[in-house]
Amino acid sequence: MPKDLVSSSYVEAGYALALGIPSVNYHQSDIRLPFMLRQAAQYSPDFPRCKEYEYQRIDDIVRDIEESGTSLFD
């Protein structure tokens, strides 16, 4: 999330949680993710891995994905 927005992205993230799909959430440092999106798996073994990363620029996300590939979900 680059900033607080009226968007369906939180609904989509919740849907991934409900389906047990691991997720990676990127946000800028001044944005706080909703409670259940912050390392959700630590709250219950029934939740999938849900990682969060802060970024400064969109290029940081692109580089992270290119370098990490599917290991982002490990």
PDB file of N, CA and C in Angstrom:
ATOM      1  N   MET A   1       0.844  -1.180   0.000  1.00  0.00           N
ATOM      2  CA  MET A   1       0.000   0.000   0.000  1.00  0.00           C
ATOM      3  C   MET A   1       0.889   1.243   0.000  1.00  0.00           C
ATOM      4  N   PRO A   2       0.845   2.028  -1.042  1.00  0.00           N
ATOM      5  CA  PRO A   2       1.662   3.235  -1.055  1.00  0.00           C
ATOM      6  C   PRO A   2       1.131   4.287  -0.096  1.00  0.00           C
ATOM      7  N   LYS A   3      -0.162   4.308   0.158  1.00  0.00           N
ATOM      8  CA  LYS A   3      -0.777   5.249   1.092  1.00  0.00           C
ATOM      9  C   LYS A   3      -2.170   4.733   1.410  1.00  0.00           C
ATOM     10  N   ASP A   4      -2.805   5.356   2.385  1.00  0.00           N
ATOM     11  CA  ASP A   4      -4.174   4.965   2.699  1.00  0.00           C
ATOM     12  C   ASP A   4      -5.058   5.278   1.502  1.00  0.00           C
ATOM     13  N   LEU A   5      -5.777   4.284   1.025  1.00  0.00           N
ATOM     14  CA  LEU A   5      -6.614   4.428  -0.161  1.00  0.00           C
ATOM     15  C   LEU A   5      -7.973   3.790   0.052  1.00  0.00           C
ATOM     16  N   VAL A   6      -8.938   4.273  -0.677  1.00  0.00           N
ATOM     17  CA  VAL A   6     -10.191   3.554  -0.780  1.00  0.00           C
ATOM     18  C   VAL A   6      -9.946   2.548  -1.896  1.00  0.00           C
ATOM     19  N   SER A   7      -9.830   1.294  -1.537  1.00  0.00           N
ATOM     20  CA  SER A   7      -9.397   0.280  -2.482  1.00  0.00           C
ATOM     21  C   SER A   7      -9.928  -1.081  -2.053  1.00  0.00           C
ATOM     22  N   SER A   8      -9.934  -2.024  -2.982  1.00  0.00           N
ATOM     23  CA  SER A   8     -10.334  -3.384  -2.639  1.00  0.00           C
ATOM     24  C   SER A   8      -9.144  -4.221  -2.176  1.00  0.00           C
ATOM     25  N   SER A   9      -7.968  -3.640  -2.079  1.00  0.00           N
ATOM     26  CA  SER A   9      -6.774  -4.425  -1.755  1.00  0.00           C
ATOM     27  C   SER A   9      -6.875  -5.106  -0.387  1.00  0.00           C
ATOM     28  N   TYR A  10      -7.505  -4.470   0.582  1.00  0.00           N
ATOM     29  CA  TYR A  10      -7.655  -5.118   1.884  1.00  0.00           C
ATOM     30  C   TYR A  10      -8.640  -6.282   1.802  1.00  0.00           C
ATOM     31  N   VAL A  11      -9.670  -6.150   0.976  1.00  0.00           N
ATOM     32  CA  VAL A  11     -10.616  -7.248   0.781  1.00  0.00           C
ATOM     33  C   VAL A  11      -9.891  -8.421   0.124  1.00  0.00           C
ATOM     34  N   GLU A  12      -9.078  -8.127  -0.884  1.00  0.00           N
ATOM     35  CA  GLU A  12      -8.335  -9.178  -1.577  1.00  0.00           C
ATOM     36  C   GLU A  12      -7.353  -9.873  -0.635  1.00  0.00           C
ATOM     37  N   ALA A  13      -6.695  -9.115   0.226  1.00  0.00           N
ATOM     38  CA  ALA A  13      -5.771  -9.702   1.199  1.00  0.00           C
ATOM     39  C   ALA A  13      -6.531 -10.582   2.190  1.00  0.00           C
ATOM     40  N   GLY A  14      -7.689 -10.142   2.613  1.00  0.00           N
ATOM     41  CA  GLY A  14      -8.510 -10.943   3.513  1.00  0.00           C
ATOM     42  C   GLY A  14      -8.994 -12.227   2.857  1.00  0.00           C
ATOM     43  N   TYR A  15      -9.301 -12.141   1.593  1.00  0.00           N
ATOM     44  CA  TYR A  15      -9.736 -13.321   0.835  1.00  0.00           C
ATOM     45  C   TYR A  15      -8.598 -14.339   0.769  1.00  0.00           C
ATOM     46  N   ALA A  16      -7.373 -13.866   0.539  1.00  0.00           N
ATOM     47  CA  ALA A  16      -6.207 -14.760   0.528  1.00  0.00           C
ATOM     48  C   ALA A  16      -6.053 -15.441   1.885  1.00  0.00           C
ATOM     49  N   LEU A  17      -6.214 -14.683   2.976  1.00  0.00           N
ATOM     50  CA  LEU A  17      -6.139 -15.276   4.315  1.00  0.00           C
ATOM     51  C   LEU A  17      -7.202 -16.365   4.480  1.00  0.00           C
ATOM     52  N   ALA A  18      -8.431 -16.050   4.068  1.00  0.00           N
ATOM     53  CA  ALA A  18      -9.530 -17.000   4.227  1.00  0.00           C
ATOM     54  C   ALA A  18      -9.294 -18.280   3.431  1.00  0.00           C
ATOM     55  N   LEU A  19      -8.631 -18.168   2.285  1.00  0.00           N
ATOM     56  CA  LEU A  19      -8.351 -19.337   1.457  1.00  0.00           C
ATOM     57  C   LEU A  19      -7.060 -20.048   1.846  1.00  0.00           C
ATOM     58  N   GLY A  20      -6.336 -19.486   2.817  1.00  0.00           N
ATOM     59  CA  GLY A  20      -5.091 -20.106   3.263  1.00  0.00           C
ATOM     60  C   GLY A  20      -3.923 -19.884   2.319  1.00  0.00           C
ATOM     61  N   ILE A  21      -3.968 -18.813   1.554  1.00  0.00           N
ATOM     62  CA  ILE A  21      -2.922 -18.508   0.584  1.00  0.00           C
ATOM     63  C   ILE A  21      -1.879 -17.594   1.237  1.00  0.00           C
ATOM     64  N   PRO A  22      -0.608 -18.013   1.271  1.00  0.00           N
ATOM     65  CA  PRO A  22       0.427 -17.137   1.822  1.00  0.00           C
ATOM     66  C   PRO A  22       0.481 -15.828   1.040  1.00  0.00           C
ATOM     67  N   SER A  23       0.832 -14.746   1.727  1.00  0.00           N
ATOM     68  CA  SER A  23       0.897 -13.449   1.056  1.00  0.00           C
ATOM     69  C   SER A  23       2.076 -12.628   1.539  1.00  0.00           C
ATOM     70  N   VAL A  24       2.445 -11.693   0.706  1.00  0.00           N
ATOM     71  CA  VAL A  24       3.496 -10.723   1.015  1.00  0.00           C
ATOM     72  C   VAL A  24       2.883  -9.351   0.795  1.00  0.00           C
ATOM     73  N   ASN A  25       2.955  -8.512   1.806  1.00  0.00           N
ATOM     74  CA  ASN A  25       2.351  -7.183   1.742  1.00  0.00           C
ATOM     75  C   ASN A  25       3.436  -6.122   1.871  1.00  0.00           C
ATOM     76  N   TYR A  26       3.515  -5.260   0.890  1.00  0.00           N
ATOM     77  CA  TYR A  26       4.471  -4.156   0.908  1.00  0.00           C
ATOM     78  C   TYR A  26       3.727  -2.879   1.278  1.00  0.00           C
ATOM     79  N   HIS A  27       4.372  -2.061   2.107  1.00  0.00           N
ATOM     80  CA  HIS A  27       3.771  -0.781   2.490  1.00  0.00           C
ATOM     81  C   HIS A  27       4.865   0.202   2.837  1.00  0.00           C
ATOM     82  N   GLN A  28       4.533   1.466   2.726  1.00  0.00           N
ATOM     83  CA  GLN A  28       5.494   2.491   3.123  1.00  0.00           C
ATOM     84  C   GLN A  28       5.497   2.619   4.636  1.00  0.00           C
ATOM     85  N   SER A  29       6.572   3.184   5.164  1.00  0.00           N
ATOM     86  CA  SER A  29       6.780   3.189   6.616  1.00  0.00           C
ATOM     87  C   SER A  29       5.696   3.953   7.378  1.00  0.00           C
ATOM     88  N   ASP A  30       5.027   4.894   6.755  1.00  0.00           N
ATOM     89  CA  ASP A  30       3.999   5.667   7.468  1.00  0.00           C
ATOM     90  C   ASP A  30       2.610   5.025   7.391  1.00  0.00           C
ATOM     91  N   ILE A  31       2.530   3.848   6.773  1.00  0.00           N
ATOM     92  CA  ILE A  31       1.255   3.122   6.673  1.00  0.00           C
ATOM     93  C   ILE A  31       1.303   1.916   7.606  1.00  0.00           C
ATOM     94  N   ARG A  32       0.283   1.770   8.405  1.00  0.00           N
ATOM     95  CA  ARG A  32       0.186   0.617   9.300  1.00  0.00           C
ATOM     96  C   ARG A  32      -0.868  -0.329   8.729  1.00  0.00           C
ATOM     97  N   LEU A  33      -0.452  -1.563   8.491  1.00  0.00           N
ATOM     98  CA  LEU A  33      -1.388  -2.556   7.960  1.00  0.00           C
ATOM     99  C   LEU A  33      -2.410  -2.949   9.022  1.00  0.00           C
ATOM    100  N   PRO A  34      -3.581  -3.395   8.593  1.00  0.00           N
ATOM    101  CA  PRO A  34      -4.576  -3.887   9.550  1.00  0.00           C
ATOM    102  C   PRO A  34      -4.004  -5.040  10.385  1.00  0.00           C
ATOM    103  N   PHE A  35      -4.541  -5.190  11.565  1.00  0.00           N
ATOM    104  CA  PHE A  35      -4.069  -6.163  12.556  1.00  0.00           C
ATOM    105  C   PHE A  35      -3.787  -7.538  11.968  1.00  0.00           C
ATOM    106  N   MET A  36      -4.733  -8.111  11.252  1.00  0.00           N
ATOM    107  CA  MET A  36      -4.585  -9.488  10.774  1.00  0.00           C
ATOM    108  C   MET A  36      -3.606  -9.624   9.607  1.00  0.00           C
ATOM    109  N   LEU A  37      -3.206  -8.532   8.993  1.00  0.00           N
ATOM    110  CA  LEU A  37      -2.238  -8.611   7.903  1.00  0.00           C
ATOM    111  C   LEU A  37      -0.806  -8.489   8.395  1.00  0.00           C
ATOM    112  N   ARG A  38      -0.643  -8.184   9.660  1.00  0.00           N
ATOM    113  CA  ARG A  38       0.706  -8.072  10.220  1.00  0.00           C
ATOM    114  C   ARG A  38       1.112  -9.422  10.807  1.00  0.00           C
ATOM    115  N   GLN A  39       1.863 -10.195  10.021  1.00  0.00           N
ATOM    116  CA  GLN A  39       2.370 -11.488  10.486  1.00  0.00           C
ATOM    117  C   GLN A  39       1.234 -12.364  11.013  1.00  0.00           C
ATOM    118  N   ALA A  40       0.197 -12.531  10.226  1.00  0.00           N
ATOM    119  CA  ALA A  40      -1.026 -13.226  10.656  1.00  0.00           C
ATOM    120  C   ALA A  40      -0.765 -14.617  11.217  1.00  0.00           C
ATOM    121  N   ALA A  41       0.200 -15.338  10.670  1.00  0.00           N
ATOM    122  CA  ALA A  41       0.439 -16.718  11.101  1.00  0.00           C
ATOM    123  C   ALA A  41       0.863 -16.804  12.562  1.00  0.00           C
ATOM    124  N   GLN A  42       1.396 -15.729  13.120  1.00  0.00           N
ATOM    125  CA  GLN A  42       1.807 -15.782  14.528  1.00  0.00           C
ATOM    126  C   GLN A  42       0.602 -15.794  15.465  1.00  0.00           C
ATOM    127  N   TYR A  43      -0.564 -15.430  14.969  1.00  0.00           N
ATOM    128  CA  TYR A  43      -1.752 -15.373  15.814  1.00  0.00           C
ATOM    129  C   TYR A  43      -2.489 -16.699  15.888  1.00  0.00           C
ATOM    130  N   SER A  44      -2.339 -17.525  14.862  1.00  0.00           N
ATOM    131  CA  SER A  44      -3.032 -18.804  14.845  1.00  0.00           C
ATOM    132  C   SER A  44      -2.369 -19.716  13.822  1.00  0.00           C
ATOM    133  N   PRO A  45      -2.186 -20.984  14.151  1.00  0.00           N
ATOM    134  CA  PRO A  45      -1.608 -21.915  13.177  1.00  0.00           C
ATOM    135  C   PRO A  45      -2.532 -22.151  11.980  1.00  0.00           C
ATOM    136  N   ASP A  46      -3.785 -21.728  12.099  1.00  0.00           N
ATOM    137  CA  ASP A  46      -4.730 -21.886  10.994  1.00  0.00           C
ATOM    138  C   ASP A  46      -4.546 -20.841   9.896  1.00  0.00           C
ATOM    139  N   PHE A  47      -3.812 -19.769  10.196  1.00  0.00           N
ATOM    140  CA  PHE A  47      -3.600 -18.721   9.203  1.00  0.00           C
ATOM    141  C   PHE A  47      -2.349 -19.012   8.379  1.00  0.00           C
ATOM    142  N   PRO A  48      -2.369 -18.630   7.118  1.00  0.00           N
ATOM    143  CA  PRO A  48      -1.180 -18.822   6.279  1.00  0.00           C
ATOM    144  C   PRO A  48      -0.101 -17.815   6.644  1.00  0.00           C
ATOM    145  N   ARG A  49       1.101 -18.070   6.136  1.00  0.00           N
ATOM    146  CA  ARG A  49       2.183 -17.098   6.329  1.00  0.00           C
ATOM    147  C   ARG A  49       1.794 -15.791   5.663  1.00  0.00           C
ATOM    148  N   CYS A  50       1.996 -14.719   6.362  1.00  0.00           N
ATOM    149  CA  CYS A  50       1.645 -13.392   5.865  1.00  0.00           C
ATOM    150  C   CYS A  50       2.799 -12.468   6.255  1.00  0.00           C
ATOM    151  N   LYS A  51       3.609 -12.100   5.282  1.00  0.00           N
ATOM    152  CA  LYS A  51       4.783 -11.281   5.571  1.00  0.00           C
ATOM    153  C   LYS A  51       4.524  -9.843   5.170  1.00  0.00           C
ATOM    154  N   GLU A  52       5.192  -8.941   5.863  1.00  0.00           N
ATOM    155  CA  GLU A  52       5.081  -7.534   5.506  1.00  0.00           C
ATOM    156  C   GLU A  52       6.471  -6.928   5.374  1.00  0.00           C
ATOM    157  N   TYR A  53       6.603  -6.061   4.411  1.00  0.00           N
ATOM    158  CA  TYR A  53       7.863  -5.371   4.159  1.00  0.00           C
ATOM    159  C   TYR A  53       7.578  -3.895   3.915  1.00  0.00           C
ATOM    160  N   GLU A  54       8.420  -3.055   4.455  1.00  0.00           N
ATOM    161  CA  GLU A  54       8.333  -1.630   4.171  1.00  0.00           C
ATOM    162  C   GLU A  54       9.181  -1.318   2.944  1.00  0.00           C
ATOM    163  N   TYR A  55       8.771  -0.329   2.192  1.00  0.00           N
ATOM    164  CA  TYR A  55       9.544   0.092   1.039  1.00  0.00           C
ATOM    165  C   TYR A  55       9.554   1.611   0.947  1.00  0.00           C
ATOM    166  N   GLN A  56      10.545   2.131   0.263  1.00  0.00           N
ATOM    167  CA  GLN A  56      10.650   3.574   0.038  1.00  0.00           C
ATOM    168  C   GLN A  56      10.139   3.946  -1.354  1.00  0.00           C
ATOM    169  N   ARG A  57      10.544   3.130  -2.351  1.00  0.00           N
ATOM    170  CA  ARG A  57      10.174   3.401  -3.744  1.00  0.00           C
ATOM    171  C   ARG A  57       9.672   2.114  -4.384  1.00  0.00           C
ATOM    172  N   ILE A  58       8.852   2.238  -5.392  1.00  0.00           N
ATOM    173  CA  ILE A  58       8.336   1.068  -6.104  1.00  0.00           C
ATOM    174  C   ILE A  58       9.482   0.212  -6.627  1.00  0.00           C
ATOM    175  N   ASP A  59      10.570   0.841  -7.035  1.00  0.00           N
ATOM    176  CA  ASP A  59      11.742   0.101  -7.521  1.00  0.00           C
ATOM    177  C   ASP A  59      12.264  -0.885  -6.474  1.00  0.00           C
ATOM    178  N   ASP A  60      12.114  -0.551  -5.195  1.00  0.00           N
ATOM    179  CA  ASP A  60      12.551  -1.453  -4.116  1.00  0.00           C
ATOM    180  C   ASP A  60      11.751  -2.753  -4.147  1.00  0.00           C
ATOM    181  N   ILE A  61      10.461  -2.661  -4.426  1.00  0.00           N
ATOM    182  CA  ILE A  61       9.607  -3.847  -4.494  1.00  0.00           C
ATOM    183  C   ILE A  61      10.010  -4.707  -5.688  1.00  0.00           C
ATOM    184  N   VAL A  62      10.179  -4.062  -6.823  1.00  0.00           N
ATOM    185  CA  VAL A  62      10.552  -4.792  -8.039  1.00  0.00           C
ATOM    186  C   VAL A  62      11.867  -5.532  -7.826  1.00  0.00           C
ATOM    187  N   ARG A  63      12.856  -4.859  -7.264  1.00  0.00           N
ATOM    188  CA  ARG A  63      14.161  -5.481  -7.012  1.00  0.00           C
ATOM    189  C   ARG A  63      14.019  -6.657  -6.036  1.00  0.00           C
ATOM    190  N   ASP A  64      13.230  -6.475  -4.988  1.00  0.00           N
ATOM    191  CA  ASP A  64      13.036  -7.527  -3.995  1.00  0.00           C
ATOM    192  C   ASP A  64      12.417  -8.770  -4.634  1.00  0.00           C
ATOM    193  N   ILE A  65      11.416  -8.576  -5.464  1.00  0.00           N
ATOM    194  CA  ILE A  65      10.761  -9.708  -6.125  1.00  0.00           C
ATOM    195  C   ILE A  65      11.716 -10.381  -7.103  1.00  0.00           C
ATOM    196  N   GLU A  66      12.448  -9.592  -7.872  1.00  0.00           N
ATOM    197  CA  GLU A  66      13.399 -10.164  -8.825  1.00  0.00           C
ATOM    198  C   GLU A  66      14.483 -10.972  -8.123  1.00  0.00           C
ATOM    199  N   GLU A  67      14.979 -10.456  -7.008  1.00  0.00           N
ATOM    200  CA  GLU A  67      16.060 -11.133  -6.283  1.00  0.00           C
ATOM    201  C   GLU A  67      15.563 -12.338  -5.486  1.00  0.00           C
ATOM    202  N   SER A  68      14.380 -12.244  -4.924  1.00  0.00           N
ATOM    203  CA  SER A  68      13.883 -13.297  -4.036  1.00  0.00           C
ATOM    204  C   SER A  68      13.054 -14.351  -4.738  1.00  0.00           C
ATOM    205  N   GLY A  69      12.364 -13.975  -5.777  1.00  0.00           N
ATOM    206  CA  GLY A  69      11.491 -14.928  -6.469  1.00  0.00           C
ATOM    207  C   GLY A  69      10.498 -15.560  -5.510  1.00  0.00           C
ATOM    208  N   THR A  70      10.279 -16.842  -5.647  1.00  0.00           N
ATOM    209  CA  THR A  70       9.295 -17.524  -4.798  1.00  0.00           C
ATOM    210  C   THR A  70       9.737 -17.677  -3.353  1.00  0.00           C
ATOM    211  N   SER A  71      11.010 -17.431  -3.054  1.00  0.00           N
ATOM    212  CA  SER A  71      11.456 -17.537  -1.652  1.00  0.00           C
ATOM    213  C   SER A  71      10.828 -16.449  -0.788  1.00  0.00           C
ATOM    214  N   LEU A  72      10.202 -15.462  -1.383  1.00  0.00           N
ATOM    215  CA  LEU A  72       9.449 -14.465  -0.588  1.00  0.00           C
ATOM    216  C   LEU A  72       8.412 -15.135   0.284  1.00  0.00           C
ATOM    217  N   PHE A  73       7.900 -16.278  -0.154  1.00  0.00           N
ATOM    218  CA  PHE A  73       6.825 -16.962   0.558  1.00  0.00           C
ATOM    219  C   PHE A  73       7.315 -17.996   1.559  1.00  0.00           C
ATOM    220  N   ASP A  74       8.631 -18.208   1.655  1.00  0.00           N
ATOM    221  CA  ASP A  74       9.189 -19.197   2.594  1.00  0.00           C
ATOM    222  C   ASP A  74       9.176 -18.689   4.016  1.00  0.00           C
TER     223      ASP A  74
END
